Each structure stands twice: as structure tokens, then as C-alpha cells.
């Protein structure tokens, strides 16, 4: 079955950086569009970034210029480099394999 396992979350101070990774199995990764979404307490599920099978990327307005999504087809991983983190980035981050599969989520907390 399809599994998406996130790693790399944690607590970081404002202005800091974190790198999330998602390891995929059970799917043909090379041909699968991938993405990261997040949900903060009391807020709606929000698009963070997507990357297609042809490496086309798309970002949510709130993270443009700060976050970078990438993929490694050989390792079947998708990563999210998050720089200049703000308290508003605090959320549970979810890896998504289009169009049906989700990871369990990983907490990112930005706090001084």
C-alpha cells in the first residue's frame, strides 16, 4: 500500500530554518505529482507547495520566496526547505501524493 512518512519537523525560532522530508513507497513516484499542505489550529487546510512529475513547482502566496520544494526520484523523496520562518508558519505539515494519499502529518512550531 502507499505510505508517505514525513520527517524533519520541530521547534525553531522566528527567522530560522527547517527542512521537511517525505519518503514515499508503494507508488510509481516518478510519475506522481507531490505536494505539501499545512493546517494550523482553527484554520483551514492550506496549500504550501507542489511539484509535478516534470518538476514544475507552485507555491502558496504566504510562503513564496521563503520555502522551496524539491524531489529526488531516485530516493522517492520530496523535501520542503523552509527559511525565514515566522510564527504564522506554525502548523501540522502534510505530505500529499496526488490525488489520493496523505502522510500522517508533522508538527512545525515557530516560537521564541
N, C-alpha and C. Protein backbone atom coordinates (compact mmCIF):
# COMPACT_ATOMS: atom_id res chain seq x y z
N UNK A 1 0.83 -1.18 0.00
CA UNK A 1 0.00 0.00 0.00
C UNK A 1 0.88 1.25 0.00
N UNK A 2 0.27 2.37 -0.30
CA UNK A 2 1.01 3.62 -0.37
C UNK A 2 1.30 4.12 1.04
N UNK A 3 2.54 4.51 1.26
CA UNK A 3 2.93 5.12 2.53
C UNK A 3 3.72 6.39 2.27
N UNK A 4 3.39 7.43 3.03
CA UNK A 4 4.12 8.69 2.99
C UNK A 4 4.55 8.99 4.42
N UNK A 5 5.84 9.11 4.65
CA UNK A 5 6.35 9.29 6.01
C UNK A 5 7.15 10.59 6.05
N UNK A 6 6.62 11.54 6.83
CA UNK A 6 7.29 12.84 6.97
C UNK A 6 8.32 12.81 8.09
N UNK A 7 9.33 13.65 7.94
CA UNK A 7 10.34 13.81 8.99
C UNK A 7 10.90 15.22 8.92
N UNK A 8 11.56 15.64 10.00
CA UNK A 8 12.25 16.92 10.00
C UNK A 8 11.56 18.06 10.71
N UNK A 9 10.40 17.82 11.27
CA UNK A 9 9.71 18.88 11.97
C UNK A 9 10.35 19.19 13.32
N UNK A 10 9.78 20.17 14.02
CA UNK A 10 10.30 20.52 15.34
C UNK A 10 10.00 21.95 15.69
N UNK A 11 10.78 22.44 16.64
CA UNK A 11 10.62 23.81 17.14
C UNK A 11 11.80 24.65 16.68
N UNK A 12 11.49 25.84 16.17
CA UNK A 12 12.54 26.74 15.68
C UNK A 12 12.17 28.16 16.02
N UNK A 13 13.15 29.00 16.20
CA UNK A 13 12.91 30.41 16.50
C UNK A 13 12.54 31.17 15.23
N UNK A 14 11.81 32.26 15.37
CA UNK A 14 11.50 33.10 14.20
C UNK A 14 12.77 33.49 13.46
N UNK A 15 12.70 33.42 12.14
CA UNK A 15 13.87 33.70 11.32
C UNK A 15 14.72 32.48 11.02
N UNK A 16 14.43 31.39 11.68
CA UNK A 16 15.21 30.17 11.49
C UNK A 16 14.75 29.35 10.30
N UNK A 17 15.36 28.19 10.15
CA UNK A 17 15.09 27.30 9.01
C UNK A 17 14.83 25.88 9.48
N UNK A 18 14.04 25.18 8.69
CA UNK A 18 13.82 23.75 8.87
C UNK A 18 13.70 23.12 7.50
N UNK A 19 14.01 21.84 7.45
CA UNK A 19 13.84 21.09 6.19
C UNK A 19 12.99 19.86 6.48
N UNK A 20 11.85 19.79 5.83
CA UNK A 20 10.97 18.62 5.93
C UNK A 20 11.25 17.66 4.78
N UNK A 21 11.14 16.38 5.07
CA UNK A 21 11.27 15.36 4.03
C UNK A 21 10.10 14.41 4.11
N UNK A 22 9.77 13.86 2.96
CA UNK A 22 8.68 12.88 2.88
C UNK A 22 9.19 11.70 2.04
N UNK A 23 9.21 10.53 2.66
CA UNK A 23 9.64 9.31 1.97
C UNK A 23 8.40 8.56 1.51
N UNK A 24 8.36 8.27 0.21
CA UNK A 24 7.19 7.62 -0.37
C UNK A 24 7.50 6.17 -0.74
N UNK A 25 6.49 5.33 -0.60
CA UNK A 25 6.60 3.95 -1.03
C UNK A 25 5.24 3.47 -1.50
N UNK A 26 5.27 2.43 -2.34
CA UNK A 26 4.01 1.84 -2.80
C UNK A 26 3.37 2.56 -3.96
N UNK A 27 4.08 3.51 -4.59
CA UNK A 27 3.53 4.18 -5.75
C UNK A 27 4.65 4.40 -6.77
N UNK A 28 4.24 4.71 -8.00
CA UNK A 28 5.23 5.00 -9.05
C UNK A 28 5.63 6.46 -8.90
N UNK A 29 6.59 6.69 -8.06
CA UNK A 29 6.94 8.04 -7.62
C UNK A 29 7.28 8.96 -8.79
N UNK A 30 8.01 8.43 -9.75
CA UNK A 30 8.49 9.26 -10.86
C UNK A 30 7.33 9.96 -11.60
N UNK A 31 6.19 9.33 -11.66
CA UNK A 31 5.07 9.87 -12.41
C UNK A 31 4.01 10.53 -11.52
N UNK A 32 4.35 10.72 -10.25
CA UNK A 32 3.36 11.24 -9.30
C UNK A 32 3.66 12.68 -8.92
N UNK A 33 2.66 13.53 -9.07
CA UNK A 33 2.78 14.90 -8.57
C UNK A 33 2.72 14.86 -7.04
N UNK A 34 3.54 15.69 -6.41
CA UNK A 34 3.63 15.67 -4.95
C UNK A 34 3.40 17.08 -4.39
N UNK A 35 3.05 17.15 -3.11
CA UNK A 35 2.84 18.46 -2.53
C UNK A 35 2.96 18.45 -1.02
N UNK A 36 3.02 19.64 -0.47
CA UNK A 36 2.97 19.86 0.97
C UNK A 36 1.81 20.79 1.27
N UNK A 37 1.06 20.43 2.29
CA UNK A 37 -0.03 21.25 2.80
C UNK A 37 0.16 21.43 4.29
N UNK A 38 -0.55 22.37 4.87
CA UNK A 38 -0.45 22.56 6.31
C UNK A 38 -1.79 22.97 6.88
N UNK A 39 -1.95 22.73 8.18
CA UNK A 39 -3.15 23.15 8.89
C UNK A 39 -2.77 23.63 10.27
N UNK A 40 -3.10 24.88 10.53
CA UNK A 40 -2.87 25.47 11.84
C UNK A 40 -4.15 25.36 12.65
N UNK A 41 -4.04 25.39 13.97
CA UNK A 41 -5.24 25.29 14.82
C UNK A 41 -6.27 26.36 14.47
N UNK A 42 -7.49 25.95 14.24
CA UNK A 42 -8.56 26.89 13.95
C UNK A 42 -8.56 27.44 12.54
N UNK A 43 -7.66 26.94 11.69
CA UNK A 43 -7.57 27.44 10.32
C UNK A 43 -7.82 26.32 9.32
N UNK A 44 -8.10 26.74 8.09
CA UNK A 44 -8.35 25.76 7.04
C UNK A 44 -7.05 25.14 6.55
N UNK A 45 -7.20 23.97 5.96
CA UNK A 45 -6.10 23.30 5.27
C UNK A 45 -5.59 24.24 4.17
N UNK A 46 -4.27 24.37 4.07
CA UNK A 46 -3.68 25.38 3.18
C UNK A 46 -2.60 24.76 2.31
N UNK A 47 -2.62 25.11 1.02
CA UNK A 47 -1.55 24.69 0.13
C UNK A 47 -0.25 25.38 0.51
N UNK A 48 0.82 24.61 0.62
CA UNK A 48 2.14 25.19 0.85
C UNK A 48 2.92 25.21 -0.47
N UNK A 49 3.08 24.03 -1.07
CA UNK A 49 3.85 23.94 -2.32
C UNK A 49 3.54 22.62 -3.01
N UNK A 50 3.67 22.63 -4.32
CA UNK A 50 3.53 21.41 -5.10
C UNK A 50 4.67 21.31 -6.10
N UNK A 51 4.96 20.08 -6.49
CA UNK A 51 5.95 19.84 -7.53
C UNK A 51 5.44 18.70 -8.40
N UNK A 52 5.40 18.94 -9.69
CA UNK A 52 4.86 17.94 -10.60
C UNK A 52 5.91 16.90 -10.95
N UNK A 53 5.47 15.89 -11.67
CA UNK A 53 6.40 14.86 -12.12
C UNK A 53 7.43 15.41 -13.09
N UNK A 54 7.13 16.57 -13.67
CA UNK A 54 8.07 17.23 -14.60
C UNK A 54 8.78 18.41 -13.93
N UNK A 55 8.73 18.42 -12.59
CA UNK A 55 9.47 19.39 -11.78
C UNK A 55 8.92 20.82 -11.86
N UNK A 56 7.69 20.98 -12.29
CA UNK A 56 7.06 22.29 -12.24
C UNK A 56 6.60 22.54 -10.81
N UNK A 57 6.93 23.70 -10.26
CA UNK A 57 6.60 23.99 -8.87
C UNK A 57 5.55 25.10 -8.76
N UNK A 58 4.85 25.06 -7.63
CA UNK A 58 3.82 26.06 -7.35
C UNK A 58 3.83 26.29 -5.84
N UNK A 59 3.65 27.55 -5.42
CA UNK A 59 3.72 27.88 -4.00
C UNK A 59 2.50 28.69 -3.56
N UNK A 60 2.13 28.48 -2.32
CA UNK A 60 1.12 29.33 -1.73
C UNK A 60 1.68 30.74 -1.54
N UNK A 61 0.82 31.73 -1.61
CA UNK A 61 1.27 33.12 -1.55
C UNK A 61 2.04 33.43 -0.27
N UNK A 62 1.65 32.81 0.83
CA UNK A 62 2.26 33.15 2.12
C UNK A 62 3.68 32.61 2.27
N UNK A 63 4.11 31.71 1.40
CA UNK A 63 5.44 31.12 1.55
C UNK A 63 6.36 31.42 0.38
N UNK A 64 5.84 32.08 -0.65
CA UNK A 64 6.67 32.39 -1.82
C UNK A 64 7.91 33.17 -1.42
N UNK A 65 9.05 32.74 -1.95
CA UNK A 65 10.31 33.42 -1.66
C UNK A 65 10.99 32.94 -0.40
N UNK A 66 10.28 32.14 0.41
CA UNK A 66 10.86 31.65 1.66
C UNK A 66 11.02 30.13 1.65
N UNK A 67 10.10 29.44 1.01
CA UNK A 67 10.11 27.98 1.00
C UNK A 67 10.48 27.47 -0.38
N UNK A 68 11.13 26.31 -0.43
CA UNK A 68 11.50 25.68 -1.70
C UNK A 68 11.17 24.19 -1.64
N UNK A 69 10.40 23.73 -2.61
CA UNK A 69 10.08 22.31 -2.70
C UNK A 69 11.00 21.66 -3.73
N UNK A 70 11.39 20.42 -3.44
CA UNK A 70 12.23 19.68 -4.38
C UNK A 70 11.89 18.20 -4.28
N UNK A 71 12.35 17.44 -5.26
CA UNK A 71 12.12 16.00 -5.24
C UNK A 71 13.35 15.26 -5.72
N UNK A 72 13.49 14.05 -5.22
CA UNK A 72 14.57 13.15 -5.64
C UNK A 72 13.90 11.84 -6.05
N UNK A 73 13.78 11.64 -7.34
CA UNK A 73 13.08 10.45 -7.82
C UNK A 73 13.82 9.17 -7.49
N UNK A 74 15.14 9.22 -7.46
CA UNK A 74 15.91 8.03 -7.14
C UNK A 74 15.65 7.57 -5.70
N UNK A 75 15.52 8.53 -4.80
CA UNK A 75 15.27 8.20 -3.39
C UNK A 75 13.79 8.18 -3.05
N UNK A 76 12.93 8.58 -4.00
CA UNK A 76 11.49 8.63 -3.77
C UNK A 76 11.17 9.54 -2.59
N UNK A 77 11.77 10.70 -2.59
CA UNK A 77 11.52 11.66 -1.52
C UNK A 77 11.15 13.03 -2.11
N UNK A 78 10.34 13.75 -1.35
CA UNK A 78 10.05 15.14 -1.65
C UNK A 78 10.38 15.95 -0.41
N UNK A 79 11.04 17.07 -0.59
CA UNK A 79 11.51 17.87 0.53
C UNK A 79 10.96 19.28 0.47
N UNK A 80 10.93 19.92 1.62
CA UNK A 80 10.49 21.30 1.73
C UNK A 80 11.50 22.05 2.58
N UNK A 81 12.27 22.91 1.95
CA UNK A 81 13.22 23.76 2.67
C UNK A 81 12.49 25.03 3.08
N UNK A 82 12.45 25.27 4.38
CA UNK A 82 11.71 26.41 4.90
C UNK A 82 12.68 27.38 5.55
N UNK A 83 12.78 28.58 5.00
CA UNK A 83 13.67 29.61 5.52
C UNK A 83 12.85 30.80 6.01
N UNK A 84 13.50 31.64 6.79
CA UNK A 84 12.85 32.85 7.32
C UNK A 84 11.50 32.53 7.94
N UNK A 85 11.50 31.52 8.77
CA UNK A 85 10.24 31.06 9.37
C UNK A 85 9.63 32.11 10.29
N UNK A 86 8.31 32.15 10.27
CA UNK A 86 7.53 33.11 11.06
C UNK A 86 6.59 32.34 11.98
N UNK A 87 6.17 32.96 13.09
CA UNK A 87 5.21 32.28 13.96
C UNK A 87 3.96 31.81 13.21
N UNK A 88 3.58 32.54 12.18
CA UNK A 88 2.40 32.17 11.38
C UNK A 88 2.60 30.89 10.58
N UNK A 89 3.83 30.40 10.50
CA UNK A 89 4.10 29.13 9.81
C UNK A 89 3.85 27.93 10.72
N UNK A 90 3.57 28.18 11.98
CA UNK A 90 3.28 27.09 12.92
C UNK A 90 2.05 26.33 12.47
N UNK A 91 2.22 25.02 12.27
CA UNK A 91 1.12 24.19 11.77
C UNK A 91 1.58 22.74 11.74
N UNK A 92 0.62 21.87 11.47
CA UNK A 92 0.96 20.49 11.11
C UNK A 92 1.11 20.45 9.59
N UNK A 93 2.22 19.93 9.14
CA UNK A 93 2.52 19.86 7.70
C UNK A 93 2.29 18.43 7.19
N UNK A 94 1.62 18.36 6.07
CA UNK A 94 1.26 17.06 5.49
C UNK A 94 1.86 16.90 4.10
N UNK A 95 2.42 15.75 3.88
CA UNK A 95 2.89 15.37 2.54
C UNK A 95 1.70 14.78 1.77
N UNK A 96 1.62 15.10 0.49
CA UNK A 96 0.49 14.65 -0.33
C UNK A 96 0.99 14.12 -1.66
N UNK A 97 0.49 12.94 -2.00
CA UNK A 97 0.74 12.35 -3.31
C UNK A 97 -0.57 12.39 -4.09
N UNK A 98 -0.59 13.17 -5.14
CA UNK A 98 -1.84 13.38 -5.88
C UNK A 98 -2.35 12.10 -6.52
N UNK A 99 -3.62 11.92 -6.38
CA UNK A 99 -4.56 12.84 -5.75
C UNK A 99 -5.18 12.26 -4.49
N UNK A 100 -4.65 11.14 -4.03
CA UNK A 100 -5.41 10.43 -3.00
C UNK A 100 -4.69 10.15 -1.70
N UNK A 101 -3.39 10.39 -1.61
CA UNK A 101 -2.65 9.87 -0.47
C UNK A 101 -2.03 10.99 0.38
N UNK A 102 -2.10 10.77 1.70
CA UNK A 102 -1.60 11.75 2.65
C UNK A 102 -0.69 11.08 3.67
N UNK A 103 0.32 11.83 4.11
CA UNK A 103 1.12 11.39 5.24
C UNK A 103 0.38 11.64 6.54
N UNK A 104 1.00 11.25 7.64
CA UNK A 104 0.35 11.38 8.95
C UNK A 104 0.45 12.78 9.51
N UNK A 105 1.32 13.57 8.95
CA UNK A 105 1.50 14.95 9.40
C UNK A 105 2.65 15.08 10.38
N UNK A 106 3.28 16.25 10.37
CA UNK A 106 4.39 16.52 11.28
C UNK A 106 4.29 17.96 11.76
N UNK A 107 4.55 18.13 13.05
CA UNK A 107 4.39 19.45 13.66
C UNK A 107 5.61 20.33 13.40
N UNK A 108 5.33 21.57 13.02
CA UNK A 108 6.34 22.62 12.93
C UNK A 108 5.88 23.76 13.82
N UNK A 109 6.72 24.14 14.76
CA UNK A 109 6.39 25.23 15.69
C UNK A 109 7.47 26.30 15.59
N UNK A 110 7.04 27.52 15.31
CA UNK A 110 7.96 28.65 15.23
C UNK A 110 7.66 29.56 16.41
N UNK A 111 8.59 29.61 17.34
CA UNK A 111 8.34 30.35 18.58
C UNK A 111 9.66 30.75 19.21
N UNK A 112 9.63 31.92 19.85
CA UNK A 112 10.81 32.36 20.58
C UNK A 112 10.72 31.93 22.04
